[in-house]
Amino acid sequence: MVDAVINLRDIDLNLLTVFDAIMREQNLTRAADRLGMTQPSVSAALNRLRQVFGDQLFVRTHRGVKATPRAYHYAPQIRRILDLVALMMTDSEHFNIEASNRRFRVVLGDYGEVIILPSLLQFLESANSAVGIEVLSQHTVGCVDALREGTIDCVCSPEPLLGEGIKSELITEDRLVTLVRRDHPTVKGSLSLEQFVTLQHAIFDWFDRRGFLIDQKLRALGLQRQCPVRLHTIFDMPRIVATTNLACTVPFRFARQVESFQSLKSFPVPLEGLTVGLYCNWHQRFDNDRGTSWLLETIRNIASFK
């Protein structure tokens, strides 16, 4: 693909933020709500983006807008730019990442490894930092004790960890979407609740049982879905769904990263109130540790940039 010749003087950060919001929502009204803007302002910004990139970027459909191939091409690059800008705004006055060679040990979970880890590593690389990140399995035993002892610096989890001295903070929430392959034989332009329950699902259960929330809501409606495949990691789900007639339900921010290159399409889950949270957990005895404070603030910053 040949990229458009772009004059950097024509671009401001607000335009990239609008692009990212439209890409996430696939709808101008929802993008405007996300940004706290009016829809005419978002439409005007989109017109400027089209001029800058020399492409339509988003084409209107009956459901909202659909990204063009060039928009899909630019989306991860623009996401990285916005993440790096957010990270550069992080207050690192009390911890010099350029001088430190400290090695942080963290548990991020599958979702955190997708949403947080790449941006964190990109930021450290851009700062030419010797700070190291060791990522431990989400199934690591004894995380509460390890936080207390300082052998683990931070744990990200879908629910707060419980234990004496453990502090937890909800750093982001994400809606859930259902993925199927683009040429699925029965799921075309929309996904109804009737279709949802007739599909065969590959599921991944959060260790805190949040993975069963869909089935709890279905049972309340007198419905049940078929789940013949159960996986231990979210990373296997897109590859399996892309080569079968199975469906899977995952957080939107994860789906956005795999949808285009795995030949998948996503749909809102046809149930109300389905979200997944990500909590940051640490021990209070490290509240005054400069390195821990920097790590927590950086993770918050990345997670809040939707």
C-alpha atoms as a PDB file:
ATOM      1  CA  MET A   1       0.000   0.000   0.000  1.00  0.00           C
ATOM      2  CA  VAL A   2       1.309   3.455  -0.940  1.00  0.00           C
ATOM      3  CA  ASP A   3       0.777   5.940   1.867  1.00  0.00           C
ATOM      4  CA  ALA A   4      -0.412   9.466   1.209  1.00  0.00           C
ATOM      5  CA  VAL A   5       2.183  12.237   1.254  1.00  0.00           C
ATOM      6  CA  ILE A   6       1.367  14.055   4.474  1.00  0.00           C
ATOM      7  CA  ASN A   7       2.380  17.549   5.537  1.00  0.00           C
ATOM      8  CA  LEU A   8       2.897  17.353   9.292  1.00  0.00           C
ATOM      9  CA  ARG A   9       1.843  20.987   9.663  1.00  0.00           C
ATOM     10  CA  ASP A  10      -1.671  19.922   8.615  1.00  0.00           C
ATOM     11  CA  ILE A  11      -2.038  17.524  11.542  1.00  0.00           C
ATOM     12  CA  ASP A  12      -2.790  18.282  15.157  1.00  0.00           C
ATOM     13  CA  LEU A  13      -3.287  15.837  17.996  1.00  0.00           C
ATOM     14  CA  ASN A  14      -7.014  16.527  18.094  1.00  0.00           C
ATOM     15  CA  LEU A  15      -7.412  15.134  14.570  1.00  0.00           C
ATOM     16  CA  LEU A  16      -5.650  11.904  15.540  1.00  0.00           C
ATOM     17  CA  THR A  17      -7.836  11.653  18.635  1.00  0.00           C
ATOM     18  CA  VAL A  18     -10.947  12.002  16.457  1.00  0.00           C
ATOM     19  CA  PHE A  19      -9.654   9.327  14.071  1.00  0.00           C
ATOM     20  CA  ASP A  20      -9.046   6.954  16.979  1.00  0.00           C
ATOM     21  CA  ALA A  21     -12.505   7.573  18.476  1.00  0.00           C
ATOM     22  CA  ILE A  22     -14.261   6.924  15.150  1.00  0.00           C
ATOM     23  CA  MET A  23     -12.162   3.795  14.636  1.00  0.00           C
ATOM     24  CA  ARG A  24     -13.150   2.520  18.064  1.00  0.00           C
ATOM     25  CA  GLU A  25     -16.858   3.320  17.843  1.00  0.00           C
ATOM     26  CA  GLN A  26     -17.504   2.876  14.094  1.00  0.00           C
ATOM     27  CA  ASN A  27     -20.174   5.535  14.610  1.00  0.00           C
ATOM     28  CA  LEU A  28     -19.864   9.339  14.458  1.00  0.00           C
ATOM     29  CA  THR A  29     -22.454  10.021  17.164  1.00  0.00           C
ATOM     30  CA  ARG A  30     -20.833   7.641  19.646  1.00  0.00           C
ATOM     31  CA  ALA A  31     -17.402   9.020  18.749  1.00  0.00           C
ATOM     32  CA  ALA A  32     -18.657  12.534  19.478  1.00  0.00           C
ATOM     33  CA  ASP A  33     -20.039  11.375  22.844  1.00  0.00           C
ATOM     34  CA  ARG A  34     -16.717   9.712  23.697  1.00  0.00           C
ATOM     35  CA  LEU A  35     -14.813  12.913  22.923  1.00  0.00           C
ATOM     36  CA  GLY A  36     -17.312  15.344  24.428  1.00  0.00           C
ATOM     37  CA  MET A  37     -17.765  17.000  21.026  1.00  0.00           C
ATOM     38  CA  THR A  38     -20.751  17.704  18.799  1.00  0.00           C
ATOM     39  CA  GLN A  39     -21.345  15.450  15.816  1.00  0.00           C
ATOM     40  CA  PRO A  40     -20.877  18.347  13.322  1.00  0.00           C
ATOM     41  CA  SER A  41     -17.457  19.022  14.903  1.00  0.00           C
ATOM     42  CA  VAL A  42     -16.493  15.358  14.524  1.00  0.00           C
ATOM     43  CA  SER A  43     -17.709  15.381  10.900  1.00  0.00           C
ATOM     44  CA  ALA A  44     -15.641  18.510  10.209  1.00  0.00           C
ATOM     45  CA  ALA A  45     -12.566  16.894  11.755  1.00  0.00           C
ATOM     46  CA  LEU A  46     -13.168  13.772   9.666  1.00  0.00           C
ATOM     47  CA  ASN A  47     -13.261  15.897   6.508  1.00  0.00           C
ATOM     48  CA  ARG A  48      -9.899  17.390   7.466  1.00  0.00           C
ATOM     49  CA  LEU A  49      -8.518  13.912   8.088  1.00  0.00           C
ATOM     50  CA  ARG A  50      -9.724  12.809   4.647  1.00  0.00           C
ATOM     51  CA  GLN A  51      -7.875  15.717   3.071  1.00  0.00           C
ATOM     52  CA  VAL A  52      -4.706  14.990   5.036  1.00  0.00           C
ATOM     53  CA  PHE A  53      -4.632  11.262   4.283  1.00  0.00           C
ATOM     54  CA  GLY A  54      -6.084  11.429   0.784  1.00  0.00           C
ATOM     55  CA  ASP A  55      -8.648   8.735   1.563  1.00  0.00           C
ATOM     56  CA  GLN A  56     -12.295   8.467   2.651  1.00  0.00           C
ATOM     57  CA  LEU A  57     -11.103   6.610   5.812  1.00  0.00           C
ATOM     58  CA  PHE A  58     -14.687   5.880   6.966  1.00  0.00           C
ATOM     59  CA  VAL A  59     -17.648   5.094   4.707  1.00  0.00           C
ATOM     60  CA  ARG A  60     -21.228   5.482   5.904  1.00  0.00           C
ATOM     61  CA  THR A  61     -23.321   2.321   6.357  1.00  0.00           C
ATOM     62  CA  HIS A  62     -26.773   1.670   7.817  1.00  0.00           C
ATOM     63  CA  ARG A  63     -25.088   0.796  11.129  1.00  0.00           C
ATOM     64  CA  GLY A  64     -22.733   3.794  11.315  1.00  0.00           C
ATOM     65  CA  VAL A  65     -19.447   3.941   9.440  1.00  0.00           C
ATOM     66  CA  LYS A  66     -17.043   1.305   8.163  1.00  0.00           C
ATOM     67  CA  ALA A  67     -13.283   1.808   8.084  1.00  0.00           C
ATOM     68  CA  THR A  68     -11.539   1.630   4.713  1.00  0.00           C
ATOM     69  CA  PRO A  69      -8.461  -0.585   4.219  1.00  0.00           C
ATOM     70  CA  ARG A  70      -6.237   2.497   4.544  1.00  0.00           C
ATOM     71  CA  ALA A  71      -7.906   3.442   7.850  1.00  0.00           C
ATOM     72  CA  TYR A  72      -7.201  -0.073   9.148  1.00  0.00           C
ATOM     73  CA  HIS A  73      -3.608   0.370   7.988  1.00  0.00           C
ATOM     74  CA  TYR A  74      -3.186   3.653   9.864  1.00  0.00           C
ATOM     75  CA  ALA A  75      -5.144   2.731  13.015  1.00  0.00           C
ATOM     76  CA  PRO A  76      -2.431   0.879  15.002  1.00  0.00           C
ATOM     77  CA  GLN A  77       0.171   3.513  14.096  1.00  0.00           C
ATOM     78  CA  ILE A  78      -2.079   6.348  15.271  1.00  0.00           C
ATOM     79  CA  ARG A  79      -2.885   4.381  18.427  1.00  0.00           C
ATOM     80  CA  ARG A  80       0.846   4.079  19.191  1.00  0.00           C
ATOM     81  CA  ILE A  81       1.356   7.823  18.647  1.00  0.00           C
ATOM     82  CA  LEU A  82      -1.450   8.668  21.072  1.00  0.00           C
ATOM     83  CA  ASP A  83      -0.191   6.175  23.636  1.00  0.00           C
ATOM     84  CA  LEU A  84       3.313   7.634  23.490  1.00  0.00           C
ATOM     85  CA  VAL A  85       1.994  11.163  23.909  1.00  0.00           C
ATOM     86  CA  ALA A  86       0.004  10.040  26.949  1.00  0.00           C
ATOM     87  CA  LEU A  87       3.042   8.345  28.420  1.00  0.00           C
ATOM     88  CA  MET A  88       5.201  11.416  27.921  1.00  0.00           C
ATOM     89  CA  MET A  89       2.687  13.337  30.043  1.00  0.00           C
ATOM     90  CA  THR A  90       3.230  10.894  32.899  1.00  0.00           C
ATOM     91  CA  ASP A  91       4.921  12.546  35.877  1.00  0.00           C
ATOM     92  CA  SER A  92       8.312  10.818  36.163  1.00  0.00           C
ATOM     93  CA  GLU A  93       9.957  13.636  38.139  1.00  0.00           C
ATOM     94  CA  HIS A  94      10.788  11.369  41.072  1.00  0.00           C
ATOM     95  CA  PHE A  95      11.960   8.331  39.102  1.00  0.00           C
ATOM     96  CA  ASN A  96      14.555   8.753  36.387  1.00  0.00           C
ATOM     97  CA  ILE A  97      13.787   6.063  33.809  1.00  0.00           C
ATOM     98  CA  GLU A  98      16.776   7.132  31.726  1.00  0.00           C
ATOM     99  CA  ALA A  99      19.226   6.503  34.573  1.00  0.00           C
ATOM    100  CA  SER A 100      17.578   3.533  36.295  1.00  0.00           C
ATOM    101  CA  ASN A 101      18.137  -0.132  35.445  1.00  0.00           C
ATOM    102  CA  ARG A 102      15.489  -1.352  37.867  1.00  0.00           C
ATOM    103  CA  ARG A 103      13.611  -4.493  36.846  1.00  0.00           C
ATOM    104  CA  PHE A 104       9.885  -4.520  37.599  1.00  0.00           C
ATOM    105  CA  ARG A 105       8.013  -7.807  38.012  1.00  0.00           C
ATOM    106  CA  VAL A 106       4.350  -7.566  37.036  1.00  0.00           C
ATOM    107  CA  VAL A 107       1.319  -9.740  36.412  1.00  0.00           C
ATOM    108  CA  LEU A 108      -0.770  -8.197  33.636  1.00  0.00           C
ATOM    109  CA  GLY A 109      -3.050 -11.032  32.526  1.00  0.00           C
ATOM    110  CA  ASP A 110      -3.958 -11.641  28.896  1.00  0.00           C
ATOM    111  CA  TYR A 111      -5.888  -8.386  28.599  1.00  0.00           C
ATOM    112  CA  GLY A 112      -3.166  -6.298  30.238  1.00  0.00           C
ATOM    113  CA  GLU A 113      -0.524  -7.873  28.022  1.00  0.00           C
ATOM    114  CA  VAL A 114      -2.490  -6.669  24.980  1.00  0.00           C
ATOM    115  CA  ILE A 115      -3.558  -3.228  26.219  1.00  0.00           C
ATOM    116  CA  ILE A 116      -0.702  -2.134  28.504  1.00  0.00           C
ATOM    117  CA  LEU A 117       2.493  -4.012  27.730  1.00  0.00           C
ATOM    118  CA  PRO A 118       3.180  -2.866  24.123  1.00  0.00           C
ATOM    119  CA  SER A 119       2.769   0.828  24.966  1.00  0.00           C
ATOM    120  CA  LEU A 120       4.852   0.481  28.125  1.00  0.00           C
ATOM    121  CA  LEU A 121       7.710  -1.164  26.240  1.00  0.00           C
ATOM    122  CA  GLN A 122       7.495   1.365  23.396  1.00  0.00           C
ATOM    123  CA  PHE A 123       7.754   4.203  25.874  1.00  0.00           C
ATOM    124  CA  LEU A 124      10.800   2.721  27.602  1.00  0.00           C
ATOM    125  CA  GLU A 125      12.411   2.106  24.223  1.00  0.00           C
ATOM    126  CA  SER A 126      11.749   5.678  23.069  1.00  0.00           C
ATOM    127  CA  ALA A 127      13.368   6.960  26.279  1.00  0.00           C
ATOM    128  CA  ASN A 128      16.399   4.684  25.701  1.00  0.00           C
ATOM    129  CA  SER A 129      15.749   3.348  29.206  1.00  0.00           C
ATOM    130  CA  ALA A 130      17.461   0.381  30.815  1.00  0.00           C
ATOM    131  CA  VAL A 131      14.391  -0.288  32.985  1.00  0.00           C
ATOM    132  CA  GLY A 132      13.352  -3.928  32.618  1.00  0.00           C
ATOM    133  CA  ILE A 133       9.888  -5.492  32.693  1.00  0.00           C
ATOM    134  CA  GLU A 134       9.416  -9.128  33.688  1.00  0.00           C
ATOM    135  CA  VAL A 135       5.874 -10.330  32.982  1.00  0.00           C
ATOM    136  CA  LEU A 136       4.652 -13.252  35.066  1.00  0.00           C
ATOM    137  CA  SER A 137       1.747 -15.586  34.301  1.00  0.00           C
ATOM    138  CA  GLN A 138      -1.745 -14.560  35.367  1.00  0.00           C
ATOM    139  CA  HIS A 139      -1.908 -17.985  37.037  1.00  0.00           C
ATOM    140  CA  THR A 140       1.028 -17.170  39.331  1.00  0.00           C
ATOM    141  CA  VAL A 141       0.300 -18.542  42.805  1.00  0.00           C
ATOM    142  CA  GLY A 142       0.623 -16.367  45.907  1.00  0.00           C
ATOM    143  CA  CYS A 143       0.332 -12.943  44.283  1.00  0.00           C
ATOM    144  CA  VAL A 144      -0.917 -11.275  47.480  1.00  0.00           C
ATOM    145  CA  ASP A 145       2.060 -12.515  49.492  1.00  0.00           C
ATOM    146  CA  ALA A 146       4.416 -11.572  46.656  1.00  0.00           C
ATOM    147  CA  LEU A 147       3.017  -8.017  46.583  1.00  0.00           C
ATOM    148  CA  ARG A 148       3.492  -7.746  50.339  1.00  0.00           C
ATOM    149  CA  GLU A 149       7.063  -9.035  50.119  1.00  0.00           C
ATOM    150  CA  GLY A 150       7.903  -6.882  47.101  1.00  0.00           C
ATOM    151  CA  THR A 151       8.806  -9.807  44.829  1.00  0.00           C
ATOM    152  CA  ILE A 152       5.977  -8.658  42.538  1.00  0.00           C
ATOM    153  CA  ASP A 153       5.448  -4.926  42.023  1.00  0.00           C
ATOM    154  CA  CYS A 154       1.969  -4.869  40.496  1.00  0.00           C
ATOM    155  CA  VAL A 155      -0.837  -7.236  39.563  1.00  0.00           C
ATOM    156  CA  CYS A 156      -3.532  -6.371  37.008  1.00  0.00           C
ATOM    157  CA  SER A 157      -6.690  -8.430  37.373  1.00  0.00           C
ATOM    158  CA  PRO A 158     -10.381  -8.326  36.361  1.00  0.00           C
ATOM    159  CA  GLU A 159     -11.386  -8.051  40.042  1.00  0.00           C
ATOM    160  CA  PRO A 160      -9.636  -6.478  43.059  1.00  0.00           C
ATOM    161  CA  LEU A 161      -7.280  -8.738  44.977  1.00  0.00           C
ATOM    162  CA  LEU A 162      -8.148  -9.230  48.641  1.00  0.00           C
ATOM    163  CA  GLY A 163      -5.552  -9.208  51.395  1.00  0.00           C
ATOM    164  CA  GLU A 164      -4.187  -7.157  54.263  1.00  0.00           C
ATOM    165  CA  GLY A 165      -2.507  -4.012  52.971  1.00  0.00           C
ATOM    166  CA  ILE A 166      -3.510  -4.644  49.344  1.00  0.00           C
ATOM    167  CA  LYS A 167      -4.708  -1.533  47.511  1.00  0.00           C
ATOM    168  CA  SER A 168      -6.729  -1.819  44.317  1.00  0.00           C
ATOM    169  CA  GLU A 169      -7.864   0.675  41.712  1.00  0.00           C
ATOM    170  CA  LEU A 170     -10.168   0.223  38.728  1.00  0.00           C
ATOM    171  CA  ILE A 171      -8.101   1.631  35.872  1.00  0.00           C
ATOM    172  CA  THR A 172     -10.326   0.851  32.898  1.00  0.00           C
ATOM    173  CA  GLU A 173     -13.525  -0.855  31.818  1.00  0.00           C
ATOM    174  CA  ASP A 174     -14.215  -2.325  28.403  1.00  0.00           C
ATOM    175  CA  ARG A 175     -17.374  -3.465  26.670  1.00  0.00           C
ATOM    176  CA  LEU A 176     -17.590  -6.949  25.227  1.00  0.00           C
ATOM    177  CA  VAL A 177     -18.008  -7.832  21.556  1.00  0.00           C
ATOM    178  CA  THR A 178     -18.533 -11.107  19.736  1.00  0.00           C
ATOM    179  CA  LEU A 179     -16.149 -12.181  16.971  1.00  0.00           C
ATOM    180  CA  VAL A 180     -16.877 -14.488  14.031  1.00  0.00           C
ATOM    181  CA  ARG A 181     -14.999 -15.011  10.786  1.00  0.00           C
ATOM    182  CA  ARG A 182     -15.800 -12.552   8.010  1.00  0.00           C
ATOM    183  CA  ASP A 183     -17.323 -15.185   5.733  1.00  0.00           C
ATOM    184  CA  HIS A 184     -19.353 -16.851   8.471  1.00  0.00           C
ATOM    185  CA  PRO A 185     -22.209 -18.792   6.831  1.00  0.00           C
ATOM    186  CA  THR A 186     -24.998 -17.527   9.112  1.00  0.00           C
ATOM    187  CA  VAL A 187     -23.809 -14.259  10.694  1.00  0.00           C
ATOM    188  CA  LYS A 188     -23.898 -11.457   8.126  1.00  0.00           C
ATOM    189  CA  GLY A 189     -24.445  -7.768   8.871  1.00  0.00           C
ATOM    190  CA  SER A 190     -25.788  -8.011  12.423  1.00  0.00           C
ATOM    191  CA  LEU A 191     -25.996 -10.370  15.389  1.00  0.00           C
ATOM    192  CA  SER A 192     -29.311 -10.922  17.140  1.00  0.00           C
ATOM    193  CA  LEU A 193     -29.799 -12.606  20.497  1.00  0.00           C
ATOM    194  CA  GLU A 194     -31.471 -15.519  18.711  1.00  0.00           C
ATOM    195  CA  GLN A 195     -28.396 -15.960  16.513  1.00  0.00           C
ATOM    196  CA  PHE A 196     -26.059 -15.539  19.478  1.00  0.00           C
ATOM    197  CA  VAL A 197     -27.527 -18.473  21.391  1.00  0.00           C
ATOM    198  CA  THR A 198     -27.595 -20.752  18.347  1.00  0.00           C
ATOM    199  CA  LEU A 199     -23.880 -20.226  17.636  1.00  0.00           C
ATOM    200  CA  GLN A 200     -21.215 -22.560  18.982  1.00  0.00           C
ATOM    201  CA  HIS A 201     -18.907 -20.583  21.283  1.00  0.00           C
ATOM    202  CA  ALA A 202     -15.257 -20.856  22.235  1.00  0.00           C
ATOM    203  CA  ILE A 203     -14.968 -19.432  25.745  1.00  0.00           C
ATOM    204  CA  PHE A 204     -12.233 -18.223  28.061  1.00  0.00           C
ATOM    205  CA  ASP A 205     -13.061 -18.040  31.754  1.00  0.00           C
ATOM    206  CA  TRP A 206     -11.566 -15.283  33.858  1.00  0.00           C
ATOM    207  CA  PHE A 207     -10.069 -16.866  36.942  1.00  0.00           C
ATOM    208  CA  ASP A 208     -12.480 -14.748  39.037  1.00  0.00           C
ATOM    209  CA  ARG A 209     -15.522 -16.224  37.214  1.00  0.00           C
ATOM    210  CA  ARG A 210     -16.336 -13.018  35.298  1.00  0.00           C
ATOM    211  CA  GLY A 211     -16.286 -15.236  32.222  1.00  0.00           C
ATOM    212  CA  PHE A 212     -19.614 -16.721  33.331  1.00  0.00           C
ATOM    213  CA  LEU A 213     -21.434 -13.367  33.373  1.00  0.00           C
ATOM    214  CA  ILE A 214     -22.851 -13.894  29.872  1.00  0.00           C
ATOM    215  CA  ASP A 215     -24.329 -17.244  30.850  1.00  0.00           C
ATOM    216  CA  GLN A 216     -25.824 -15.812  34.035  1.00  0.00           C
ATOM    217  CA  LYS A 217     -27.630 -13.152  31.994  1.00  0.00           C
ATOM    218  CA  LEU A 218     -28.793 -15.735  29.463  1.00  0.00           C
ATOM    219  CA  ARG A 219     -30.174 -17.993  32.204  1.00  0.00           C
ATOM    220  CA  ALA A 220     -32.122 -15.046  33.614  1.00  0.00           C
ATOM    221  CA  LEU A 221     -33.806 -14.835  30.205  1.00  0.00           C
ATOM    222  CA  GLY A 222     -34.412 -18.579  30.085  1.00  0.00           C
ATOM    223  CA  LEU A 223     -31.737 -19.025  27.415  1.00  0.00           C
ATOM    224  CA  GLN A 224     -28.533 -21.027  27.097  1.00  0.00           C
ATOM    225  CA  ARG A 225     -25.643 -20.948  24.630  1.00  0.00           C
ATOM    226  CA  GLN A 226     -23.520 -23.853  23.432  1.00  0.00           C
ATOM    227  CA  CYS A 227     -19.859 -23.749  24.549  1.00  0.00           C
ATOM    228  CA  PRO A 228     -18.088 -26.843  23.208  1.00  0.00           C
ATOM    229  CA  VAL A 229     -14.606 -25.267  23.362  1.00  0.00           C
ATOM    230  CA  ARG A 230     -13.017 -23.895  26.553  1.00  0.00           C
ATOM    231  CA  LEU A 231      -9.577 -22.253  26.370  1.00  0.00           C
ATOM    232  CA  HIS A 232      -7.038 -21.207  28.982  1.00  0.00           C
ATOM    233  CA  THR A 233      -5.929 -18.033  27.194  1.00  0.00           C
ATOM    234  CA  ILE A 234      -7.665 -15.298  25.239  1.00  0.00           C
ATOM    235  CA  PHE A 235      -4.859 -15.240  22.673  1.00  0.00           C
ATOM    236  CA  ASP A 236      -5.970 -18.553  21.111  1.00  0.00           C
ATOM    237  CA  MET A 237      -9.545 -17.432  20.525  1.00  0.00           C
ATOM    238  CA  PRO A 238      -9.223 -15.261  17.369  1.00  0.00           C
ATOM    239  CA  ARG A 239      -7.105 -17.829  15.534  1.00  0.00           C
ATOM    240  CA  ILE A 240      -9.583 -20.619  16.253  1.00  0.00           C
ATOM    241  CA  VAL A 241     -12.636 -18.523  15.388  1.00  0.00           C
ATOM    242  CA  ALA A 242     -11.031 -17.311  12.134  1.00  0.00           C
ATOM    243  CA  THR A 243     -10.757 -20.901  10.851  1.00  0.00           C
ATOM    244  CA  THR A 244     -14.056 -22.361  12.124  1.00  0.00           C
ATOM    245  CA  ASN A 245     -17.730 -21.462  12.458  1.00  0.00           C
ATOM    246  CA  LEU A 246     -17.260 -20.845  16.184  1.00  0.00           C
ATOM    247  CA  ALA A 247     -17.836 -17.475  17.848  1.00  0.00           C
ATOM    248  CA  CYS A 248     -16.035 -15.922  20.803  1.00  0.00           C
ATOM    249  CA  THR A 249     -16.715 -12.948  23.039  1.00  0.00           C
ATOM    250  CA  VAL A 250     -13.802 -10.713  24.029  1.00  0.00           C
ATOM    251  CA  PRO A 251     -13.120  -7.147  25.236  1.00  0.00           C
ATOM    252  CA  PHE A 252     -13.485  -4.524  22.500  1.00  0.00           C
ATOM    253  CA  ARG A 253      -9.917  -3.196  22.796  1.00  0.00           C
ATOM    254  CA  PHE A 254      -8.587  -6.707  22.243  1.00  0.00           C
ATOM    255  CA  ALA A 255     -10.949  -7.338  19.317  1.00  0.00           C
ATOM    256  CA  ARG A 256      -9.862  -4.094  17.637  1.00  0.00           C
ATOM    257  CA  GLN A 257      -6.270  -5.293  17.476  1.00  0.00           C
ATOM    258  CA  VAL A 258      -6.987  -8.712  15.967  1.00  0.00           C
ATOM    259  CA  GLU A 259     -10.095  -8.151  13.854  1.00  0.00           C
ATOM    260  CA  SER A 260      -8.483  -6.834  10.683  1.00  0.00           C
ATOM    261  CA  PHE A 261      -5.514  -9.168  10.315  1.00  0.00           C
ATOM    262  CA  GLN A 262      -7.319 -12.332  11.452  1.00  0.00           C
ATOM    263  CA  SER A 263     -10.175 -11.954   8.898  1.00  0.00           C
ATOM    264  CA  LEU A 264     -12.748 -11.473  11.643  1.00  0.00           C
ATOM    265  CA  LYS A 265     -15.744  -9.216  12.162  1.00  0.00           C
ATOM    266  CA  SER A 266     -17.156  -8.037  15.482  1.00  0.00           C
ATOM    267  CA  PHE A 267     -20.642  -7.305  16.770  1.00  0.00           C
ATOM    268  CA  PRO A 268     -21.967  -5.860  20.019  1.00  0.00           C
ATOM    269  CA  VAL A 269     -23.043  -8.657  22.334  1.00  0.00           C
ATOM    270  CA  PRO A 270     -26.888  -8.637  22.187  1.00  0.00           C
ATOM    271  CA  LEU A 271     -27.146  -8.388  25.978  1.00  0.00           C
ATOM    272  CA  GLU A 272     -27.169  -5.268  28.132  1.00  0.00           C
ATOM    273  CA  GLY A 273     -24.569  -4.323  30.732  1.00  0.00           C
ATOM    274  CA  LEU A 274     -21.695  -6.572  29.693  1.00  0.00           C
ATOM    275  CA  THR A 275     -18.347  -5.037  30.559  1.00  0.00           C
ATOM    276  CA  VAL A 276     -15.046  -6.252  31.935  1.00  0.00           C
ATOM    277  CA  GLY A 277     -12.894  -4.251  34.324  1.00  0.00           C
ATOM    278  CA  LEU A 278      -9.149  -4.119  34.848  1.00  0.00           C
ATOM    279  CA  TYR A 279      -7.861  -3.450  38.360  1.00  0.00           C
ATOM    280  CA  CYS A 280      -4.343  -2.473  39.361  1.00  0.00           C
ATOM    281  CA  ASN A 281      -3.259  -4.042  42.677  1.00  0.00           C
ATOM    282  CA  TRP A 282      -0.236  -3.205  44.828  1.00  0.00           C
ATOM    283  CA  HIS A 283       0.769  -3.230  48.501  1.00  0.00           C
ATOM    284  CA  GLN A 284       0.502  -0.092  50.586  1.00  0.00           C
ATOM    285  CA  ARG A 285       3.994  -0.451  52.002  1.00  0.00           C
ATOM    286  CA  PHE A 286       5.337   0.601  48.607  1.00  0.00           C
ATOM    287  CA  ASP A 287       3.216   3.754  48.325  1.00  0.00           C
ATOM    288  CA  ASN A 288       6.287   5.919  48.878  1.00  0.00           C
ATOM    289  CA  ASP A 289       8.573   3.934  46.607  1.00  0.00           C
ATOM    290  CA  ARG A 290       9.395   6.173  43.640  1.00  0.00           C
ATOM    291  CA  GLY A 291       9.762   3.339  41.162  1.00  0.00           C
ATOM    292  CA  THR A 292       6.481   1.707  42.155  1.00  0.00           C
ATOM    293  CA  SER A 293       4.697   5.063  42.016  1.00  0.00           C
ATOM    294  CA  TRP A 294       6.061   5.652  38.511  1.00  0.00           C
ATOM    295  CA  LEU A 295       5.001   2.172  37.371  1.00  0.00           C
ATOM    296  CA  LEU A 296       1.465   2.519  38.739  1.00  0.00           C
ATOM    297  CA  GLU A 297       1.001   6.001  37.270  1.00  0.00           C
ATOM    298  CA  THR A 298       2.254   4.847  33.886  1.00  0.00           C
ATOM    299  CA  ILE A 299      -0.067   1.841  33.830  1.00  0.00           C
ATOM    300  CA  ARG A 300      -3.014   4.069  34.811  1.00  0.00           C
ATOM    301  CA  ASN A 301      -2.118   6.484  32.036  1.00  0.00           C
ATOM    302  CA  ILE A 302      -1.974   3.802  29.372  1.00  0.00           C
ATOM    303  CA  ALA A 303      -5.172   2.083  30.532  1.00  0.00           C
ATOM    304  CA  SER A 304      -7.161   5.325  30.621  1.00  0.00           C
ATOM    305  CA  PHE A 305      -6.316   6.134  27.003  1.00  0.00           C
ATOM    306  CA  LYS A 306      -9.195   4.431  25.212  1.00  0.00           C
END
